[in-house]
Amino acid sequence: MAALSLQEISTQLESPNLRDRMVALANLRHASPEDAVPLIKKVLDDESLQLRSMAIFALGIKPTPECYSILVRILENDPDYGIRADAAGALGYLGDARAFEVLSRAFYEDTDWLVRFSAAVSLGNIKDPRAHQILIQALDSKEVVLQQAAISALGEIQDIESVDQILRFAQSDDWLVRQRLAEALGNLPTPKSVSALKYLEKDNHFNVAEAARIGLKKLEEIGNQV
């Protein structure tokens, strides 16, 4: 099927048929950010949450100067928690350091765990070391997925100081938490990281053991094997 022209996409985004609008939005994946963003904006307030979610994701991967302010507005004001979470996630894709304050505020103030989860993940994606305190706090969350997000993000920002705090998850009952720990330790070159990864390499869950093996190899490659 031939790709639609920008004019055809623009027209189809106004179709009363949701499937037409979704196909049109998907067709923008080949367009430049400059061409795509004005058209993505047409469906940011669509009645379909699924289409809005797709549009917000698209803003994160088609960055233009205005994407940042649009996503901040959605994160701070949208009544739907799923849409706010999407906006937090898309800000992480942009990798814009300005998002640190906005994501931090969302983590502390949003009442929904999904938004806080997305904010924690994105703090890792923008690799801002100032996120240390927030992520350490997230380790104490009652929500296991928030703990997972915080462990991953601490690895992403290469927060060596956090090693002692995250090692307590080496015996977590949740194998995904142990896997996230192994992945994070592969970015945190310390003697304790090596010891913990050797321990996790013997884990009875294949994914955890494999992540630990990869983590040890990474530490070896960057010349920090102790």
N, C-alpha and C. Protein backbone atom coordinates (compact mmCIF):
# COMPACT_ATOMS: atom_id res chain seq x y z
N MET A 1 0.85 -1.20 0.00
CA MET A 1 0.00 0.00 0.00
C MET A 1 0.88 1.25 0.00
N ALA A 2 0.62 2.16 -0.90
CA ALA A 2 1.42 3.37 -1.00
C ALA A 2 1.23 4.24 0.24
N ALA A 3 2.33 4.90 0.64
CA ALA A 3 2.23 5.80 1.79
C ALA A 3 1.32 6.98 1.42
N LEU A 4 0.58 7.46 2.41
CA LEU A 4 -0.31 8.60 2.16
C LEU A 4 0.51 9.88 2.10
N SER A 5 0.03 10.83 1.29
CA SER A 5 0.67 12.15 1.28
C SER A 5 0.27 12.89 2.55
N LEU A 6 1.02 13.94 2.85
CA LEU A 6 0.70 14.73 4.05
C LEU A 6 -0.71 15.30 3.98
N GLN A 7 -1.11 15.70 2.78
CA GLN A 7 -2.46 16.26 2.62
C GLN A 7 -3.52 15.19 2.89
N GLU A 8 -3.26 13.97 2.40
CA GLU A 8 -4.21 12.86 2.63
C GLU A 8 -4.27 12.50 4.12
N ILE A 9 -3.11 12.52 4.76
CA ILE A 9 -3.07 12.23 6.19
C ILE A 9 -3.87 13.28 6.95
N SER A 10 -3.65 14.55 6.59
CA SER A 10 -4.34 15.65 7.25
C SER A 10 -5.86 15.48 7.14
N THR A 11 -6.32 15.13 5.95
CA THR A 11 -7.77 14.94 5.72
C THR A 11 -8.28 13.74 6.52
N GLN A 12 -7.49 12.66 6.50
CA GLN A 12 -7.93 11.43 7.16
C GLN A 12 -7.96 11.58 8.69
N LEU A 13 -7.12 12.47 9.22
CA LEU A 13 -7.12 12.71 10.67
C LEU A 13 -8.43 13.36 11.12
N GLU A 14 -9.19 13.89 10.19
CA GLU A 14 -10.48 14.51 10.52
C GLU A 14 -11.65 13.57 10.24
N SER A 15 -11.34 12.34 9.85
CA SER A 15 -12.40 11.37 9.55
C SER A 15 -13.21 11.05 10.80
N PRO A 16 -14.54 10.84 10.67
CA PRO A 16 -15.34 10.44 11.84
C PRO A 16 -15.04 9.00 12.27
N ASN A 17 -14.33 8.27 11.41
CA ASN A 17 -14.01 6.87 11.70
C ASN A 17 -12.68 6.79 12.45
N LEU A 18 -12.72 6.22 13.66
CA LEU A 18 -11.52 6.15 14.50
C LEU A 18 -10.39 5.38 13.80
N ARG A 19 -10.76 4.29 13.14
CA ARG A 19 -9.72 3.49 12.48
C ARG A 19 -8.98 4.33 11.43
N ASP A 20 -9.72 5.14 10.68
CA ASP A 20 -9.08 6.02 9.69
C ASP A 20 -8.08 6.96 10.36
N ARG A 21 -8.50 7.54 11.47
CA ARG A 21 -7.62 8.49 12.16
C ARG A 21 -6.37 7.78 12.69
N MET A 22 -6.55 6.56 13.19
CA MET A 22 -5.40 5.82 13.71
C MET A 22 -4.42 5.45 12.59
N VAL A 23 -4.96 5.02 11.46
CA VAL A 23 -4.10 4.67 10.31
C VAL A 23 -3.35 5.92 9.84
N ALA A 24 -4.05 7.05 9.80
CA ALA A 24 -3.41 8.30 9.36
C ALA A 24 -2.26 8.68 10.30
N LEU A 25 -2.50 8.56 11.60
CA LEU A 25 -1.46 8.91 12.57
C LEU A 25 -0.26 7.97 12.41
N ALA A 26 -0.54 6.68 12.23
CA ALA A 26 0.55 5.71 12.04
C ALA A 26 1.37 6.03 10.80
N ASN A 27 0.73 6.58 9.78
CA ASN A 27 1.43 6.92 8.54
C ASN A 27 2.44 8.05 8.71
N LEU A 28 2.33 8.77 9.83
CA LEU A 28 3.27 9.87 10.06
C LEU A 28 4.65 9.39 10.50
N ARG A 29 4.78 8.08 10.72
CA ARG A 29 6.08 7.61 11.23
C ARG A 29 7.22 7.88 10.23
N HIS A 30 6.87 8.02 8.95
CA HIS A 30 7.91 8.29 7.95
C HIS A 30 8.12 9.79 7.71
N ALA A 31 7.26 10.61 8.30
CA ALA A 31 7.36 12.06 8.06
C ALA A 31 8.43 12.68 8.96
N SER A 32 8.97 13.81 8.53
CA SER A 32 9.94 14.53 9.37
C SER A 32 9.19 15.11 10.57
N PRO A 33 9.91 15.36 11.69
CA PRO A 33 9.24 15.98 12.84
C PRO A 33 8.52 17.27 12.47
N GLU A 34 9.15 18.08 11.62
CA GLU A 34 8.55 19.38 11.24
C GLU A 34 7.22 19.20 10.51
N ASP A 35 7.15 18.17 9.68
CA ASP A 35 5.89 17.88 8.97
C ASP A 35 4.88 17.18 9.87
N ALA A 36 5.39 16.31 10.74
CA ALA A 36 4.50 15.46 11.53
C ALA A 36 3.79 16.22 12.66
N VAL A 37 4.53 17.06 13.38
CA VAL A 37 3.98 17.64 14.62
C VAL A 37 2.71 18.46 14.40
N PRO A 38 2.63 19.33 13.36
CA PRO A 38 1.37 20.07 13.17
C PRO A 38 0.17 19.13 12.97
N LEU A 39 0.42 17.97 12.35
CA LEU A 39 -0.67 17.02 12.12
C LEU A 39 -0.98 16.22 13.38
N ILE A 40 0.05 15.87 14.14
CA ILE A 40 -0.18 15.16 15.41
C ILE A 40 -1.05 16.02 16.33
N LYS A 41 -0.81 17.33 16.31
CA LYS A 41 -1.56 18.24 17.19
C LYS A 41 -3.07 18.20 16.92
N LYS A 42 -3.44 17.82 15.69
CA LYS A 42 -4.87 17.80 15.35
C LYS A 42 -5.64 16.78 16.19
N VAL A 43 -4.96 15.74 16.68
CA VAL A 43 -5.69 14.68 17.41
C VAL A 43 -5.29 14.61 18.89
N LEU A 44 -4.58 15.63 19.37
CA LEU A 44 -4.18 15.61 20.79
C LEU A 44 -5.37 15.69 21.74
N ASP A 45 -6.48 16.23 21.25
CA ASP A 45 -7.68 16.32 22.10
C ASP A 45 -8.79 15.42 21.56
N ASP A 46 -8.41 14.37 20.86
CA ASP A 46 -9.39 13.46 20.26
C ASP A 46 -10.26 12.82 21.34
N GLU A 47 -11.47 12.41 20.95
CA GLU A 47 -12.36 11.75 21.94
C GLU A 47 -11.84 10.36 22.31
N SER A 48 -11.01 9.77 21.45
CA SER A 48 -10.46 8.44 21.73
C SER A 48 -9.18 8.55 22.55
N LEU A 49 -9.19 7.96 23.74
CA LEU A 49 -7.99 7.99 24.59
C LEU A 49 -6.85 7.22 23.93
N GLN A 50 -7.20 6.16 23.21
CA GLN A 50 -6.16 5.36 22.54
C GLN A 50 -5.43 6.19 21.49
N LEU A 51 -6.18 6.97 20.73
CA LEU A 51 -5.57 7.81 19.70
C LEU A 51 -4.74 8.93 20.34
N ARG A 52 -5.27 9.51 21.40
CA ARG A 52 -4.52 10.56 22.11
C ARG A 52 -3.19 9.99 22.63
N SER A 53 -3.26 8.78 23.16
CA SER A 53 -2.06 8.13 23.69
C SER A 53 -1.02 7.95 22.58
N MET A 54 -1.48 7.49 21.40
CA MET A 54 -0.57 7.33 20.25
C MET A 54 0.04 8.67 19.85
N ALA A 55 -0.78 9.72 19.87
CA ALA A 55 -0.31 11.04 19.45
C ALA A 55 0.75 11.58 20.41
N ILE A 56 0.54 11.35 21.70
CA ILE A 56 1.50 11.83 22.70
C ILE A 56 2.83 11.10 22.54
N PHE A 57 2.75 9.78 22.34
CA PHE A 57 3.97 9.00 22.10
C PHE A 57 4.71 9.55 20.87
N ALA A 58 3.93 9.87 19.82
CA ALA A 58 4.52 10.39 18.58
C ALA A 58 5.29 11.69 18.83
N LEU A 59 4.78 12.53 19.74
CA LEU A 59 5.49 13.79 20.04
C LEU A 59 6.86 13.51 20.66
N GLY A 60 6.95 12.42 21.41
CA GLY A 60 8.23 12.08 22.04
C GLY A 60 9.28 11.62 21.05
N ILE A 61 8.83 11.02 19.94
CA ILE A 61 9.81 10.48 18.98
C ILE A 61 9.92 11.34 17.71
N LYS A 62 9.15 12.42 17.66
CA LYS A 62 9.26 13.38 16.54
C LYS A 62 9.53 14.77 17.13
N PRO A 63 10.66 14.95 17.77
CA PRO A 63 10.86 16.19 18.54
C PRO A 63 11.05 17.44 17.68
N THR A 64 10.26 18.45 18.00
CA THR A 64 10.49 19.80 17.48
C THR A 64 10.51 20.71 18.72
N PRO A 65 10.92 21.97 18.58
CA PRO A 65 11.01 22.84 19.76
C PRO A 65 9.71 22.94 20.57
N GLU A 66 8.54 22.79 19.92
CA GLU A 66 7.30 22.97 20.69
C GLU A 66 6.83 21.70 21.41
N CYS A 67 7.41 20.53 21.07
CA CYS A 67 6.94 19.28 21.70
C CYS A 67 7.07 19.32 23.23
N TYR A 68 8.18 19.89 23.69
CA TYR A 68 8.41 19.93 25.13
C TYR A 68 7.27 20.64 25.86
N SER A 69 6.92 21.85 25.41
CA SER A 69 5.90 22.62 26.13
C SER A 69 4.52 21.96 26.02
N ILE A 70 4.24 21.32 24.87
CA ILE A 70 2.95 20.62 24.72
C ILE A 70 2.86 19.48 25.73
N LEU A 71 3.93 18.70 25.84
CA LEU A 71 3.92 17.53 26.75
C LEU A 71 3.84 17.97 28.21
N VAL A 72 4.52 19.07 28.54
CA VAL A 72 4.47 19.58 29.92
C VAL A 72 3.03 19.98 30.26
N ARG A 73 2.38 20.66 29.32
CA ARG A 73 1.00 21.11 29.56
C ARG A 73 0.08 19.89 29.81
N ILE A 74 0.26 18.85 29.00
CA ILE A 74 -0.58 17.65 29.17
C ILE A 74 -0.29 16.97 30.51
N LEU A 75 0.99 16.84 30.84
CA LEU A 75 1.36 16.18 32.10
C LEU A 75 0.79 16.93 33.30
N GLU A 76 0.80 18.26 33.22
CA GLU A 76 0.38 19.04 34.39
C GLU A 76 -1.13 19.24 34.48
N ASN A 77 -1.83 19.09 33.35
CA ASN A 77 -3.25 19.48 33.37
C ASN A 77 -4.26 18.44 32.96
N ASP A 78 -3.84 17.36 32.31
CA ASP A 78 -4.86 16.45 31.77
C ASP A 78 -5.57 15.70 32.91
N PRO A 79 -6.90 15.58 32.84
CA PRO A 79 -7.63 14.89 33.90
C PRO A 79 -7.44 13.36 33.88
N ASP A 80 -6.98 12.81 32.74
CA ASP A 80 -6.87 11.35 32.64
C ASP A 80 -5.46 10.90 33.05
N TYR A 81 -5.38 10.02 34.06
CA TYR A 81 -4.05 9.64 34.57
C TYR A 81 -3.23 8.89 33.51
N GLY A 82 -3.90 8.10 32.65
CA GLY A 82 -3.18 7.37 31.61
C GLY A 82 -2.51 8.31 30.62
N ILE A 83 -3.23 9.38 30.30
CA ILE A 83 -2.69 10.39 29.37
C ILE A 83 -1.53 11.14 30.03
N ARG A 84 -1.68 11.47 31.32
CA ARG A 84 -0.57 12.13 32.03
C ARG A 84 0.67 11.21 32.05
N ALA A 85 0.44 9.93 32.28
CA ALA A 85 1.55 8.97 32.29
C ALA A 85 2.22 8.91 30.92
N ASP A 86 1.41 8.95 29.86
CA ASP A 86 1.97 8.95 28.50
C ASP A 86 2.85 10.18 28.28
N ALA A 87 2.37 11.32 28.76
CA ALA A 87 3.14 12.56 28.58
C ALA A 87 4.46 12.51 29.35
N ALA A 88 4.41 11.95 30.56
CA ALA A 88 5.65 11.79 31.35
C ALA A 88 6.63 10.90 30.60
N GLY A 89 6.10 9.81 30.03
CA GLY A 89 6.96 8.89 29.27
C GLY A 89 7.56 9.54 28.04
N ALA A 90 6.74 10.32 27.32
CA ALA A 90 7.22 10.98 26.10
C ALA A 90 8.30 12.02 26.43
N LEU A 91 8.19 12.67 27.57
CA LEU A 91 9.22 13.64 27.97
C LEU A 91 10.57 12.93 28.14
N GLY A 92 10.53 11.68 28.60
CA GLY A 92 11.77 10.91 28.72
C GLY A 92 12.41 10.66 27.36
N TYR A 93 11.56 10.38 26.35
CA TYR A 93 12.09 10.16 25.00
C TYR A 93 12.77 11.41 24.45
N LEU A 94 12.23 12.58 24.81
CA LEU A 94 12.83 13.83 24.31
C LEU A 94 14.25 14.02 24.84
N GLY A 95 14.51 13.47 26.06
CA GLY A 95 15.85 13.60 26.63
C GLY A 95 16.24 15.04 26.94
N ASP A 96 15.26 15.88 27.21
CA ASP A 96 15.49 17.31 27.47
C ASP A 96 15.70 17.53 28.97
N ALA A 97 16.86 18.05 29.34
CA ALA A 97 17.18 18.23 30.76
C ALA A 97 16.19 19.15 31.47
N ARG A 98 15.50 20.02 30.72
CA ARG A 98 14.51 20.91 31.36
C ARG A 98 13.39 20.12 32.01
N ALA A 99 13.20 18.88 31.56
CA ALA A 99 12.09 18.07 32.09
C ALA A 99 12.33 17.62 33.53
N PHE A 100 13.54 17.79 34.03
CA PHE A 100 13.84 17.29 35.38
C PHE A 100 12.84 17.82 36.42
N GLU A 101 12.64 19.15 36.43
CA GLU A 101 11.74 19.75 37.44
C GLU A 101 10.30 19.25 37.26
N VAL A 102 9.86 19.20 36.02
CA VAL A 102 8.47 18.81 35.74
C VAL A 102 8.23 17.36 36.15
N LEU A 103 9.18 16.48 35.80
CA LEU A 103 9.04 15.06 36.14
C LEU A 103 9.15 14.85 37.65
N SER A 104 10.02 15.62 38.28
CA SER A 104 10.15 15.52 39.74
C SER A 104 8.84 15.90 40.43
N ARG A 105 8.25 16.99 39.93
CA ARG A 105 6.99 17.44 40.51
C ARG A 105 5.90 16.38 40.31
N ALA A 106 5.88 15.79 39.12
CA ALA A 106 4.88 14.75 38.85
C ALA A 106 5.10 13.57 39.79
N PHE A 107 6.34 13.23 40.04
CA PHE A 107 6.62 12.09 40.91
C PHE A 107 6.14 12.37 42.34
N TYR A 108 6.40 13.58 42.82
CA TYR A 108 6.03 13.90 44.21
C TYR A 108 4.54 14.20 44.37
N GLU A 109 3.92 14.81 43.35
CA GLU A 109 2.58 15.37 43.56
C GLU A 109 1.45 14.59 42.90
N ASP A 110 1.74 13.82 41.84
CA ASP A 110 0.64 13.12 41.18
C ASP A 110 0.13 12.02 42.10
N THR A 111 -1.18 11.85 42.12
CA THR A 111 -1.77 10.87 43.04
C THR A 111 -1.80 9.47 42.44
N ASP A 112 -1.52 9.34 41.16
CA ASP A 112 -1.63 8.03 40.53
C ASP A 112 -0.27 7.36 40.35
N TRP A 113 -0.18 6.09 40.74
CA TRP A 113 1.12 5.41 40.70
C TRP A 113 1.65 5.28 39.27
N LEU A 114 0.75 5.17 38.27
CA LEU A 114 1.21 4.99 36.89
C LEU A 114 1.96 6.23 36.39
N VAL A 115 1.47 7.40 36.79
CA VAL A 115 2.14 8.65 36.42
C VAL A 115 3.49 8.72 37.11
N ARG A 116 3.51 8.34 38.38
CA ARG A 116 4.76 8.39 39.14
C ARG A 116 5.77 7.39 38.56
N PHE A 117 5.26 6.23 38.15
CA PHE A 117 6.12 5.23 37.51
C PHE A 117 6.75 5.80 36.23
N SER A 118 5.91 6.39 35.38
CA SER A 118 6.42 6.97 34.12
C SER A 118 7.43 8.07 34.39
N ALA A 119 7.15 8.87 35.41
CA ALA A 119 8.08 9.96 35.75
C ALA A 119 9.43 9.40 36.19
N ALA A 120 9.41 8.34 37.00
CA ALA A 120 10.67 7.73 37.47
C ALA A 120 11.46 7.15 36.30
N VAL A 121 10.76 6.44 35.40
CA VAL A 121 11.44 5.87 34.22
C VAL A 121 12.07 6.99 33.39
N SER A 122 11.32 8.07 33.19
CA SER A 122 11.82 9.17 32.36
C SER A 122 12.98 9.92 33.02
N LEU A 123 12.97 9.97 34.33
CA LEU A 123 14.13 10.59 35.01
C LEU A 123 15.40 9.79 34.70
N GLY A 124 15.24 8.47 34.55
CA GLY A 124 16.38 7.66 34.11
C GLY A 124 16.73 7.95 32.66
N ASN A 125 15.72 8.08 31.82
CA ASN A 125 15.96 8.30 30.39
C ASN A 125 16.68 9.62 30.11
N ILE A 126 16.37 10.65 30.92
CA ILE A 126 17.05 11.93 30.65
C ILE A 126 18.43 11.98 31.32
N LYS A 127 18.74 10.92 32.08
CA LYS A 127 20.08 10.73 32.67
C LYS A 127 20.57 11.94 33.46
N ASP A 128 19.68 12.46 34.29
CA ASP A 128 20.04 13.64 35.09
C ASP A 128 20.41 13.19 36.51
N PRO A 129 21.67 13.39 36.91
CA PRO A 129 22.10 12.92 38.24
C PRO A 129 21.34 13.56 39.40
N ARG A 130 20.67 14.70 39.14
CA ARG A 130 19.91 15.34 40.23
C ARG A 130 18.73 14.48 40.69
N ALA A 131 18.42 13.44 39.92
CA ALA A 131 17.27 12.59 40.28
C ALA A 131 17.59 11.65 41.45
N HIS A 132 18.82 11.66 41.92
CA HIS A 132 19.24 10.71 42.97
C HIS A 132 18.25 10.61 44.12
N GLN A 133 17.93 11.74 44.74
CA GLN A 133 17.11 11.72 45.95
C GLN A 133 15.70 11.18 45.70
N ILE A 134 15.11 11.57 44.58
CA ILE A 134 13.76 11.12 44.23
C ILE A 134 13.75 9.61 44.05
N LEU A 135 14.75 9.11 43.32
CA LEU A 135 14.78 7.68 43.01
C LEU A 135 15.07 6.84 44.25
N ILE A 136 15.91 7.36 45.13
CA ILE A 136 16.17 6.65 46.39
C ILE A 136 14.86 6.56 47.19
N GLN A 137 14.10 7.64 47.18
CA GLN A 137 12.81 7.65 47.88
C GLN A 137 11.85 6.63 47.25
N ALA A 138 11.89 6.54 45.92
CA ALA A 138 11.00 5.61 45.21
C ALA A 138 11.29 4.16 45.56
N LEU A 139 12.51 3.88 46.00
CA LEU A 139 12.85 2.49 46.39
C LEU A 139 11.98 2.02 47.55
N ASP A 140 11.48 2.97 48.34
CA ASP A 140 10.65 2.61 49.51
C ASP A 140 9.16 2.57 49.18
N SER A 141 8.82 2.73 47.91
CA SER A 141 7.42 2.73 47.52
C SER A 141 6.75 1.39 47.81
N LYS A 142 5.44 1.43 48.08
CA LYS A 142 4.68 0.19 48.27
C LYS A 142 4.43 -0.50 46.94
N GLU A 143 4.52 0.27 45.85
CA GLU A 143 4.28 -0.29 44.52
C GLU A 143 5.57 -0.92 43.98
N VAL A 144 5.53 -2.22 43.73
CA VAL A 144 6.73 -2.93 43.25
C VAL A 144 7.21 -2.35 41.92
N VAL A 145 6.27 -1.95 41.04
CA VAL A 145 6.71 -1.41 39.75
C VAL A 145 7.48 -0.10 39.92
N LEU A 146 7.14 0.65 40.95
CA LEU A 146 7.90 1.89 41.21
C LEU A 146 9.31 1.55 41.69
N GLN A 147 9.43 0.50 42.49
CA GLN A 147 10.76 0.06 42.92
C GLN A 147 11.59 -0.36 41.70
N GLN A 148 10.95 -1.10 40.79
CA GLN A 148 11.64 -1.54 39.57
C GLN A 148 12.11 -0.33 38.76
N ALA A 149 11.20 0.64 38.59
CA ALA A 149 11.54 1.83 37.79
C ALA A 149 12.70 2.58 38.43
N ALA A 150 12.68 2.70 39.75
CA ALA A 150 13.73 3.45 40.45
C ALA A 150 15.08 2.75 40.32
N ILE A 151 15.08 1.43 40.46
CA ILE A 151 16.34 0.67 40.33
C ILE A 151 16.92 0.86 38.93
N SER A 152 16.06 0.70 37.91
CA SER A 152 16.52 0.88 36.52
C SER A 152 17.07 2.28 36.30
N ALA A 153 16.33 3.27 36.79
CA ALA A 153 16.73 4.67 36.55
C ALA A 153 18.05 5.00 37.26
N LEU A 154 18.26 4.45 38.45
CA LEU A 154 19.53 4.69 39.16
C LEU A 154 20.70 4.12 38.36
N GLY A 155 20.44 2.98 37.69
CA GLY A 155 21.46 2.44 36.80
C GLY A 155 21.69 3.35 35.61
N GLU A 156 20.58 3.86 35.04
CA GLU A 156 20.67 4.73 33.86
C GLU A 156 21.48 5.99 34.15
N ILE A 157 21.27 6.56 35.35
CA ILE A 157 22.01 7.80 35.64
C ILE A 157 23.39 7.50 36.24
N GLN A 158 23.73 6.21 36.27
CA GLN A 158 25.04 5.74 36.77
C GLN A 158 25.34 6.29 38.16
N ASP A 159 24.36 6.10 39.02
CA ASP A 159 24.44 6.64 40.38
C ASP A 159 25.17 5.67 41.32
N ILE A 160 26.50 5.78 41.30
CA ILE A 160 27.34 4.86 42.09
C ILE A 160 26.96 4.89 43.58
N GLU A 161 26.57 6.08 44.05
CA GLU A 161 26.23 6.21 45.48
C GLU A 161 25.04 5.35 45.89
N SER A 162 24.24 4.94 44.91
CA SER A 162 23.02 4.21 45.26
C SER A 162 23.24 2.71 45.44
N VAL A 163 24.45 2.24 45.16
CA VAL A 163 24.68 0.78 45.16
C VAL A 163 24.25 0.14 46.48
N ASP A 164 24.66 0.74 47.60
CA ASP A 164 24.29 0.14 48.90
C ASP A 164 22.77 0.04 49.07
N GLN A 165 22.06 1.08 48.61
CA GLN A 165 20.60 1.07 48.80
C GLN A 165 19.89 0.05 47.91
N ILE A 166 20.40 -0.16 46.69
CA ILE A 166 19.68 -1.08 45.80
C ILE A 166 20.05 -2.54 46.05
N LEU A 167 21.18 -2.78 46.71
CA LEU A 167 21.58 -4.17 46.93
C LEU A 167 20.60 -4.93 47.82
N ARG A 168 19.79 -4.20 48.58
CA ARG A 168 18.82 -4.89 49.45
C ARG A 168 17.77 -5.65 48.65
N PHE A 169 17.70 -5.37 47.34
CA PHE A 169 16.70 -6.05 46.49
C PHE A 169 17.24 -7.34 45.87
N ALA A 170 18.48 -7.71 46.22
CA ALA A 170 19.08 -8.91 45.62
C ALA A 170 18.29 -10.18 45.98
N GLN A 171 17.57 -10.13 47.09
CA GLN A 171 16.78 -11.31 47.47
C GLN A 171 15.28 -11.04 47.41
N SER A 172 14.92 -10.09 46.58
CA SER A 172 13.48 -9.79 46.40
C SER A 172 12.74 -11.04 45.91
N ASP A 173 11.49 -11.18 46.35
CA ASP A 173 10.67 -12.31 45.88
C ASP A 173 10.29 -12.15 44.42
N ASP A 174 10.35 -10.92 43.92
CA ASP A 174 9.91 -10.63 42.55
C ASP A 174 11.12 -10.74 41.61
N TRP A 175 11.08 -11.71 40.69
CA TRP A 175 12.25 -11.91 39.81
C TRP A 175 12.52 -10.70 38.91
N LEU A 176 11.44 -9.95 38.57
CA LEU A 176 11.66 -8.76 37.74
C LEU A 176 12.46 -7.69 38.48
N VAL A 177 12.23 -7.59 39.78
CA VAL A 177 13.02 -6.65 40.59
C VAL A 177 14.49 -7.09 40.57
N ARG A 178 14.72 -8.40 40.72
CA ARG A 178 16.11 -8.91 40.70
C ARG A 178 16.75 -8.69 39.33
N GLN A 179 15.95 -8.85 38.28
CA GLN A 179 16.48 -8.62 36.93
C GLN A 179 16.86 -7.15 36.75
N ARG A 180 15.96 -6.24 37.19
CA ARG A 180 16.26 -4.80 37.07
C ARG A 180 17.53 -4.46 37.86
N LEU A 181 17.69 -5.11 39.00
CA LEU A 181 18.88 -4.87 39.82
C LEU A 181 20.14 -5.30 39.05
N ALA A 182 20.08 -6.49 38.46
CA ALA A 182 21.24 -6.98 37.71
C ALA A 182 21.58 -6.04 36.56
N GLU A 183 20.54 -5.57 35.87
CA GLU A 183 20.77 -4.65 34.74
C GLU A 183 21.39 -3.34 35.23
N ALA A 184 20.88 -2.84 36.35
CA ALA A 184 21.40 -1.57 36.88
C ALA A 184 22.85 -1.71 37.33
N LEU A 185 23.15 -2.82 38.00
CA LEU A 185 24.52 -3.00 38.52
C LEU A 185 25.55 -3.05 37.40
N GLY A 186 25.12 -3.47 36.21
CA GLY A 186 26.02 -3.48 35.06
C GLY A 186 26.48 -2.09 34.65
N ASN A 187 25.78 -1.05 35.15
CA ASN A 187 26.18 0.35 34.87
C ASN A 187 26.87 0.99 36.06
N LEU A 188 27.08 0.22 37.13
CA LEU A 188 27.58 0.81 38.38
C LEU A 188 28.86 0.09 38.82
N PRO A 189 29.99 0.49 38.26
CA PRO A 189 31.24 -0.22 38.52
C PRO A 189 31.79 -0.01 39.93
N THR A 190 31.49 -0.94 40.82
CA THR A 190 32.08 -0.94 42.16
C THR A 190 32.34 -2.40 42.53
N PRO A 191 33.23 -2.66 43.49
CA PRO A 191 33.47 -4.04 43.92
C PRO A 191 32.18 -4.72 44.41
N LYS A 192 31.33 -3.96 45.09
CA LYS A 192 30.07 -4.55 45.59
C LYS A 192 29.17 -4.98 44.44
N SER A 193 29.19 -4.18 43.35
CA SER A 193 28.37 -4.53 42.18
C SER A 193 28.82 -5.87 41.61
N VAL A 194 30.13 -6.06 41.53
CA VAL A 194 30.67 -7.30 40.98
C VAL A 194 30.25 -8.49 41.86
N SER A 195 30.40 -8.34 43.17
CA SER A 195 30.02 -9.43 44.09
C SER A 195 28.53 -9.77 43.95
N ALA A 196 27.70 -8.72 43.90
CA ALA A 196 26.25 -8.94 43.81
C ALA A 196 25.89 -9.61 42.48
N LEU A 197 26.56 -9.21 41.41
CA LEU A 197 26.27 -9.81 40.11
C LEU A 197 26.69 -11.28 40.08
N LYS A 198 27.79 -11.60 40.74
CA LYS A 198 28.21 -13.02 40.80
C LYS A 198 27.18 -13.84 41.57
N TYR A 199 26.59 -13.22 42.59
CA TYR A 199 25.52 -13.88 43.36
C TYR A 199 24.28 -14.07 42.47
N LEU A 200 23.91 -13.00 41.76
CA LEU A 200 22.70 -13.04 40.92
C LEU A 200 22.88 -13.96 39.70
N GLU A 201 24.13 -14.21 39.34
CA GLU A 201 24.41 -15.10 38.21
C GLU A 201 23.94 -16.53 38.52
N LYS A 202 23.83 -16.83 39.81
CA LYS A 202 23.39 -18.18 40.21
C LYS A 202 21.88 -18.22 40.47
N ASP A 203 21.19 -17.12 40.14
CA ASP A 203 19.75 -17.04 40.40
C ASP A 203 19.02 -18.16 39.67
N ASN A 204 17.93 -18.65 40.30
CA ASN A 204 17.21 -19.77 39.67
C ASN A 204 16.27 -19.31 38.55
N HIS A 205 16.15 -17.99 38.34
CA HIS A 205 15.36 -17.52 37.21
C HIS A 205 16.30 -17.16 36.07
N PHE A 206 16.05 -17.74 34.90
CA PHE A 206 16.96 -17.57 33.77
C PHE A 206 17.21 -16.10 33.44
N ASN A 207 16.15 -15.29 33.40
CA ASN A 207 16.30 -13.88 33.01
C ASN A 207 17.22 -13.12 33.95
N VAL A 208 17.12 -13.45 35.24
CA VAL A 208 17.97 -12.76 36.24
C VAL A 208 19.42 -13.18 36.05
N ALA A 209 19.64 -14.48 35.93
CA ALA A 209 21.00 -14.99 35.76
C ALA A 209 21.64 -14.43 34.48
N GLU A 210 20.84 -14.38 33.43
CA GLU A 210 21.34 -13.86 32.14
C GLU A 210 21.69 -12.38 32.26
N ALA A 211 20.80 -11.60 32.91
CA ALA A 211 21.07 -10.16 33.10
C ALA A 211 22.35 -9.97 33.92
N ALA A 212 22.56 -10.84 34.91
CA ALA A 212 23.77 -10.74 35.74
C ALA A 212 25.01 -11.05 34.91
N ARG A 213 24.92 -12.07 34.04
CA ARG A 213 26.07 -12.40 33.17
C ARG A 213 26.41 -11.22 32.27
N ILE A 214 25.38 -10.63 31.68
CA ILE A 214 25.60 -9.48 30.79
C ILE A 214 26.20 -8.31 31.59
N GLY A 215 25.68 -8.10 32.80
CA GLY A 215 26.18 -7.01 33.66
C GLY A 215 27.66 -7.18 33.99
N LEU A 216 28.06 -8.42 34.31
CA LEU A 216 29.47 -8.68 34.62
C LEU A 216 30.35 -8.41 33.40
N LYS A 217 29.84 -8.81 32.24
CA LYS A 217 30.60 -8.60 31.01
C LYS A 217 30.77 -7.10 30.74
N LYS A 218 29.70 -6.34 30.99
CA LYS A 218 29.78 -4.89 30.79
C LYS A 218 30.83 -4.27 31.70
N LEU A 219 30.81 -4.68 32.97
CA LEU A 219 31.78 -4.12 33.92
C LEU A 219 33.21 -4.49 33.52
N GLU A 220 33.35 -5.70 33.00
CA GLU A 220 34.67 -6.14 32.55
C GLU A 220 35.14 -5.28 31.38
N GLU A 221 34.22 -5.06 30.45
CA GLU A 221 34.57 -4.29 29.25
C GLU A 221 35.01 -2.87 29.57
N ILE A 222 34.37 -2.27 30.58
CA ILE A 222 34.79 -0.89 30.88
C ILE A 222 35.96 -0.86 31.87
N GLY A 223 36.59 -2.02 32.03
CA GLY A 223 37.85 -2.05 32.77
C GLY A 223 37.70 -1.87 34.26
N ASN A 224 36.53 -2.23 34.80
CA ASN A 224 36.34 -2.03 36.24
C ASN A 224 36.14 -3.36 36.99
N GLN A 225 36.53 -4.43 36.37
CA GLN A 225 36.43 -5.71 37.09
C GLN A 225 37.40 -5.66 38.26
N VAL A 226 36.90 -6.04 39.43
CA VAL A 226 37.75 -5.90 40.63
C VAL A 226 38.20 -7.29 41.08
